[in-house]
Protein backbone atom coordinates (compact mmCIF):
# COMPACT_ATOMS: atom_id res chain seq x y z
CA MET A 1 109.94 115.47 102.07
CA GLN A 2 108.80 113.06 99.60
CA LYS A 3 109.75 109.38 100.62
CA GLU A 4 111.86 107.32 98.28
CA ILE A 5 110.28 104.43 96.61
CA LYS A 6 112.20 101.39 96.76
CA LYS A 7 109.19 98.38 95.99
CA ILE A 8 105.99 98.81 95.02
CA GLY A 9 102.76 96.43 96.04
CA VAL A 10 100.11 94.85 93.40
CA LEU A 11 97.08 93.57 93.46
CA THR A 12 93.94 92.57 91.81
CA SER A 13 90.40 92.84 93.77
CA GLY A 14 86.75 92.34 92.82
CA GLY A 15 85.33 90.63 89.92
CA ASP A 16 88.22 89.46 87.51
CA ALA A 17 88.16 90.81 84.05
CA PRO A 18 90.72 89.88 80.78
CA GLY A 19 93.40 91.44 80.50
CA MET A 20 94.39 91.91 84.32
CA ASN A 21 97.24 89.81 83.93
CA ALA A 22 98.45 91.97 81.12
CA ALA A 23 98.42 95.16 83.44
CA ILE A 24 100.50 93.10 86.03
CA ARG A 25 102.93 92.03 83.60
CA ALA A 26 103.22 96.16 82.52
CA VAL A 27 103.38 96.76 86.54
CA VAL A 28 106.08 94.38 87.49
CA ARG A 29 107.99 94.89 84.63
CA SER A 30 107.87 98.91 85.36
CA CYS A 31 108.95 98.02 88.25
CA ALA A 32 112.04 96.51 87.37
CA TYR A 33 113.00 98.91 84.08
CA HIS A 34 113.26 101.46 86.77
CA GLY A 35 115.39 99.36 89.23
CA VAL A 36 112.38 99.32 92.10
CA GLY A 37 111.15 96.40 93.87
CA CYS A 38 107.63 95.06 93.41
CA ALA A 39 105.36 92.87 95.52
CA GLY A 40 102.55 90.97 93.90
CA ILE A 41 99.82 90.52 96.98
CA PHE A 42 97.76 87.36 96.29
CA ARG A 43 93.70 87.18 96.62
CA GLY A 44 93.29 90.72 96.93
CA TYR A 45 93.07 92.87 99.92
CA GLN A 46 92.12 89.68 101.95
CA GLY A 47 95.71 88.27 100.83
CA LEU A 48 96.94 91.70 102.44
CA ILE A 49 95.41 90.86 105.34
CA GLU A 50 96.85 87.44 105.61
CA ASN A 51 100.27 88.66 104.30
CA ASP A 52 100.03 86.33 101.13
CA ILE A 53 102.72 88.68 99.65
CA GLU A 54 105.92 87.69 97.60
CA ASP A 55 108.29 89.08 95.71
CA LEU A 56 108.20 89.42 91.85
CA ASP A 57 111.11 90.28 89.11
CA ALA A 58 110.21 90.46 85.25
CA ARG A 59 110.40 86.55 84.48
CA SER A 60 107.58 85.89 87.33
CA VAL A 61 105.24 87.75 84.71
CA ARG A 62 106.30 85.97 81.63
CA ASN A 63 103.61 83.93 79.26
CA ILE A 64 100.71 85.68 81.48
CA ILE A 65 99.84 88.72 78.72
CA SER A 66 97.56 86.18 76.84
CA ARG A 67 95.84 84.27 79.66
CA GLY A 68 92.43 85.55 81.06
CA GLY A 69 91.17 85.91 84.44
CA THR A 70 94.49 86.90 87.09
CA PHE A 71 97.21 84.88 88.60
CA LEU A 72 97.20 86.92 91.51
CA LYS A 73 93.97 85.96 92.10
CA SER A 74 91.01 87.46 93.46
CA ALA A 75 88.74 87.51 96.66
CA ARG A 76 86.32 89.51 98.64
CA SER A 77 87.17 90.77 102.09
CA ASN A 78 84.61 92.32 104.94
CA GLU A 79 87.40 92.21 107.12
CA PHE A 80 89.57 95.01 105.06
CA LYS A 81 86.22 96.61 105.69
CA THR A 82 86.75 97.21 109.15
CA PRO A 83 89.86 99.66 110.52
CA GLU A 84 91.45 96.62 112.34
CA GLY A 85 91.44 94.52 109.15
CA ARG A 86 93.26 97.56 107.31
CA LYS A 87 95.93 97.96 110.18
CA LYS A 88 96.99 94.44 109.77
CA ALA A 89 96.98 95.05 106.13
CA TYR A 90 99.14 98.14 106.71
CA ASP A 91 101.45 96.38 109.13
CA ASN A 92 102.11 93.33 106.48
CA LEU A 93 102.84 96.14 103.87
CA LYS A 94 105.34 97.73 105.84
CA ALA A 95 107.09 94.26 107.21
CA ALA A 96 107.46 93.51 103.54
CA GLY A 97 108.87 96.41 102.70
CA VAL A 98 106.40 97.95 100.26
CA ASP A 99 105.97 101.62 99.80
CA ALA A 100 103.49 102.51 97.46
CA LEU A 101 100.35 100.00 96.48
CA ILE A 102 98.94 99.62 92.91
CA VAL A 103 94.98 98.10 93.09
CA ILE A 104 93.74 96.82 89.59
CA GLY A 105 90.08 96.49 90.11
CA GLY A 106 86.74 98.79 90.20
CA ASP A 107 84.91 101.01 92.42
CA GLY A 108 85.23 98.60 95.50
CA THR A 109 88.91 98.01 94.99
CA PHE A 110 89.20 102.06 94.76
CA THR A 111 87.13 102.60 97.65
CA GLY A 112 89.05 100.23 99.70
CA GLY A 113 92.55 101.59 98.59
CA LEU A 114 91.03 105.31 98.83
CA LEU A 115 90.13 104.53 103.03
CA PHE A 116 93.62 102.58 103.42
CA GLU A 117 95.02 105.75 101.99
CA LYS A 118 93.38 108.47 103.83
CA GLU A 119 94.01 106.06 107.56
CA HIS A 120 97.41 105.42 107.06
CA ASP A 121 99.13 107.85 105.23
CA PHE A 122 99.82 105.41 102.41
CA PRO A 123 100.16 106.15 98.52
CA VAL A 124 97.69 104.23 96.49
CA VAL A 125 97.27 104.44 92.59
CA GLY A 126 94.25 102.63 90.47
CA ILE A 127 93.74 101.00 87.52
CA PRO A 128 90.29 100.36 86.10
CA ALA A 129 89.64 96.86 85.37
CA THR A 130 85.97 95.88 84.84
CA ILE A 131 83.92 94.42 82.08
CA ASP A 132 81.04 96.50 82.45
CA ASN A 133 83.07 100.03 81.79
CA ASP A 134 81.18 101.39 84.42
CA ILE A 135 84.20 103.48 86.17
CA SER A 136 84.36 107.81 85.83
CA GLY A 137 87.11 108.93 84.77
CA THR A 138 88.29 106.97 81.46
CA ASP A 139 87.20 106.06 78.21
CA PHE A 140 87.45 102.44 78.85
CA THR A 141 88.25 99.72 81.69
CA ILE A 142 90.36 97.12 81.26
CA GLY A 143 88.37 93.83 80.17
CA TYR A 144 85.50 95.47 78.16
CA ASP A 145 86.64 95.04 74.87
CA THR A 146 87.25 91.42 75.35
CA ALA A 147 83.82 90.72 76.95
CA LEU A 148 81.86 92.98 74.12
CA ASN A 149 83.92 90.55 71.34
CA THR A 150 83.15 87.56 73.78
CA VAL A 151 79.55 88.43 73.62
CA VAL A 152 78.99 90.01 70.15
CA GLU A 153 80.05 85.88 68.79
CA ALA A 154 77.87 83.99 71.35
CA ILE A 155 75.01 86.13 70.24
CA ASP A 156 75.93 85.41 66.17
CA LYS A 157 76.05 81.63 67.12
CA ILE A 158 72.56 82.03 68.65
CA ARG A 159 71.43 84.14 66.07
CA ASP A 160 72.00 80.97 63.49
CA THR A 161 69.83 78.61 65.44
CA ALA A 162 66.95 81.36 66.08
CA SER A 163 67.21 81.97 62.18
CA SER A 164 66.85 78.13 61.44
CA HIS A 165 64.14 77.39 63.79
CA ASN A 166 62.09 81.17 63.84
CA ARG A 167 62.59 81.34 67.05
CA LEU A 168 62.65 84.49 69.55
CA PHE A 169 65.94 84.26 71.64
CA LEU A 170 66.16 86.32 75.32
CA VAL A 171 69.76 86.84 75.64
CA GLU A 172 71.00 88.23 79.06
CA VAL A 173 74.31 89.39 79.46
CA MET A 174 76.36 91.18 82.27
CA GLY A 175 75.31 95.04 83.59
CA ARG A 176 73.84 94.65 87.06
CA ASP A 177 73.80 98.67 86.60
CA ALA A 178 75.11 99.64 83.55
CA GLY A 179 74.08 98.68 79.87
CA ALA A 180 77.39 99.29 78.34
CA ILE A 181 77.74 95.40 77.16
CA ALA A 182 74.33 95.20 76.27
CA LEU A 183 73.65 98.10 74.35
CA ASN A 184 77.26 97.71 72.30
CA SER A 185 76.82 93.95 72.07
CA GLY A 186 73.27 94.49 70.48
CA ILE A 187 74.12 96.87 68.46
CA GLY A 188 76.94 95.09 66.87
CA ALA A 189 75.13 91.55 66.97
CA GLY A 190 72.45 93.28 65.01
CA ALA A 191 69.78 92.73 68.24
CA GLU A 192 66.00 93.94 67.35
CA GLU A 193 65.77 94.96 71.12
CA ILE A 194 68.01 96.40 73.79
CA LEU A 195 66.53 96.40 77.24
CA ILE A 196 69.24 98.23 79.69
CA PRO A 197 69.21 99.34 83.65
CA GLU A 198 69.63 103.00 82.57
CA GLU A 199 65.98 103.21 80.98
CA ASP A 200 62.91 102.31 82.38
CA GLU A 201 60.97 102.20 79.27
CA GLY A 202 58.45 99.04 80.30
CA ILE A 203 57.69 95.86 78.31
CA ASP A 204 55.00 97.62 76.44
CA ARG A 205 57.60 99.44 74.35
CA LEU A 206 59.01 95.66 73.84
CA ILE A 207 55.50 94.16 72.95
CA SER A 208 55.28 96.81 70.27
CA SER A 209 58.44 96.54 69.35
CA LEU A 210 58.10 92.87 68.47
CA LYS A 211 54.41 93.32 66.99
CA LYS A 212 56.14 95.74 64.59
CA SER A 213 58.84 93.02 63.84
CA GLU A 214 56.53 90.60 63.11
CA LYS A 215 54.52 92.61 61.22
CA SER A 216 57.65 93.85 59.16
CA GLY A 217 58.26 90.04 58.31
CA LYS A 218 60.85 88.93 60.50
CA THR A 219 60.42 85.10 61.58
CA SER A 220 62.78 85.15 64.24
CA SER A 221 64.03 87.86 66.94
CA ILE A 222 66.80 88.91 69.38
CA ILE A 223 66.57 90.44 72.19
CA VAL A 224 69.42 91.64 74.61
CA VAL A 225 68.46 92.26 77.78
CA ALA A 226 71.22 93.32 80.92
CA GLU A 227 70.62 91.50 83.70
CA GLY A 228 70.16 94.85 85.76
CA ASP A 229 67.30 95.24 83.43
CA LYS A 230 63.85 95.96 85.37
CA SER A 231 61.24 94.71 82.91
CA GLY A 232 60.82 91.52 85.08
CA LYS A 233 61.98 90.28 88.13
CA ASN A 234 64.55 87.96 86.01
CA ILE A 235 64.46 86.73 82.21
CA PHE A 236 62.41 83.59 82.30
CA GLU A 237 59.55 85.74 83.86
CA LEU A 238 60.00 87.93 80.95
CA ALA A 239 60.11 85.30 78.61
CA GLU A 240 56.58 83.91 80.08
CA PHE A 241 54.80 87.27 79.77
CA ILE A 242 55.93 87.78 76.04
CA ASP A 243 54.56 84.51 75.46
CA SER A 244 51.68 85.07 77.07
CA THR A 245 50.97 87.75 75.70
CA LEU A 246 51.67 87.64 71.93
CA GLY A 247 51.53 83.95 71.82
CA GLY A 248 52.61 82.28 68.26
CA TYR A 249 56.47 82.75 69.08
CA ASP A 250 59.16 79.90 70.01
CA ILE A 251 60.95 81.61 72.87
CA ARG A 252 64.33 80.97 74.32
CA VAL A 253 65.87 81.69 76.93
CA SER A 254 70.11 81.94 77.04
CA VAL A 255 71.86 83.25 80.19
CA LEU A 256 75.58 83.99 79.12
CA GLY A 257 76.86 84.46 82.40
CA HIS A 258 80.43 84.08 83.67
CA ILE A 259 81.96 83.32 80.17
CA GLN A 260 81.51 87.30 79.70
CA ARG A 261 84.68 87.30 82.20
CA GLY A 262 87.08 84.53 80.53
CA GLY A 263 89.15 84.00 77.80
CA SER A 264 92.38 85.71 75.94
CA PRO A 265 91.92 89.33 76.24
CA SER A 266 91.89 91.23 72.88
CA CYS A 267 94.84 92.90 71.25
CA PHE A 268 93.00 96.27 72.30
CA ASP A 269 93.10 95.22 76.26
CA ARG A 270 96.28 93.65 76.23
CA VAL A 271 97.45 97.45 74.73
CA LEU A 272 95.47 99.19 77.25
CA ALA A 273 96.18 97.28 79.91
CA SER A 274 100.24 97.32 79.35
CA LYS A 275 99.65 101.40 78.99
CA LEU A 276 97.85 102.07 82.37
CA GLY A 277 100.15 99.75 84.10
CA VAL A 278 103.11 101.56 82.87
CA GLY A 279 101.91 104.60 83.61
CA ALA A 280 100.43 103.37 87.56
CA VAL A 281 104.34 103.08 88.30
CA ASP A 282 105.26 106.56 86.64
CA ALA A 283 102.65 107.81 88.53
CA VAL A 284 103.89 106.23 91.81
CA LEU A 285 107.44 107.38 90.98
CA ASP A 286 106.42 111.05 89.99
CA GLY A 287 105.16 111.14 94.19
CA LYS A 288 101.36 111.03 92.94
CA ARG A 289 98.75 109.03 95.17
CA ASN A 290 94.93 108.67 95.39
CA ILE A 291 94.85 108.53 92.06
CA MET A 292 93.81 106.42 89.22
CA ILE A 293 95.27 105.96 85.60
CA GLY A 294 92.85 106.12 83.08
CA ILE A 295 92.73 106.54 79.02
CA HIS A 296 91.03 109.66 77.34
CA HIS A 297 91.45 109.90 73.18
CA GLN A 298 93.87 107.26 73.50
CA LYS A 299 96.84 109.30 76.05
CA VAL A 300 97.02 108.11 79.34
CA ILE A 301 95.34 110.59 82.16
CA THR A 302 95.40 110.63 85.80
CA VAL A 303 92.18 111.50 87.75
CA SER A 304 91.53 110.89 91.85
CA LEU A 305 90.20 107.92 92.75
CA GLU A 306 87.03 109.48 93.98
CA THR A 307 86.32 110.54 90.20
CA GLY A 308 86.65 106.70 89.36
CA ILE A 309 84.42 105.66 92.70
CA LYS A 310 81.58 108.64 91.80
CA GLY A 311 80.16 106.32 89.05
CA GLU A 312 78.85 109.14 86.87
CA ASP A 313 76.65 108.27 84.23
CA LYS A 314 78.17 106.97 80.93
CA PHE A 315 74.86 106.64 78.85
CA ASP A 316 75.12 106.93 74.91
CA ARG A 317 72.01 108.36 74.27
CA ASP A 318 73.00 109.25 70.81
CA LEU A 319 74.27 105.28 70.73
CA ARG A 320 70.52 104.36 71.85
CA ARG A 321 69.44 106.32 68.84
CA VAL A 322 71.66 104.20 66.78
CA ALA A 323 70.15 101.12 68.39
CA ASP A 324 66.50 102.26 67.17
CA ILE A 325 67.09 102.93 64.28
CA THR A 326 69.12 100.08 62.60
CA SER A 327 66.80 97.46 64.45
CA ILE A 328 63.88 98.54 62.23
């Protein structure tokens, strides 16, 4: 017989993403709507181990929907990777009267939640939130749209100075294992070349592309490079290689870094986070566990946590073709 859910815990873990606050808000207010208690767990799994838990109500999350980051904060936790750490977390949840846990984050967050659920028979539901959009089982993750808009805005400004000085700019964006940010922002900002970790076409393609651009009359260029691309040991080494191979270019490097994680979330991310937050509470109250809430064709869906963790290839090869055609 299913145990009655009287209180739901919520935490954010891993890298922060714009829209996490909107998701927390949706979870807390959905709990209030259903007359269920809600406990906010600060600093992710580490806060759970250290019993950093506080009851939240509908007013606790006022005025946070427009804020980037996560007011519950996030932290890495090596201790939670151990059975002893997870046992401490379980004891603290039981002492706080929490009957189910909603975890907001990426594959690392879901991996921790899956282990916890299996070891302690404790209901866990995941909400995907990562700017890389690299979680399987959902079309979009919270934070991805905002990060894309941030990158495109930055590249637009870089292009202004590139055009003014006939410069070649290498712009590094986040994406250690996935090139979704680089590929989409590169197309959106009109980049001449896009380097992503899913492809290993070598530096020869890049040099050939730059030569063609020069012959076609382009006097400035933008190359978007995902941080996980292996064309060089790093983007600065890549810039040195281009300079030594071609010469004649005034080359500049811009690493966008953590500005991609920050800022007020877009309307798309706020609405997505709200839908997934409400969907997560609905799932818990329906007795579902060991699942992730996702979005597919604008509909809220549920898939197993294993599906989210699996990291299925989401690389869009048709979009790569669009980039090649529109950059000539």
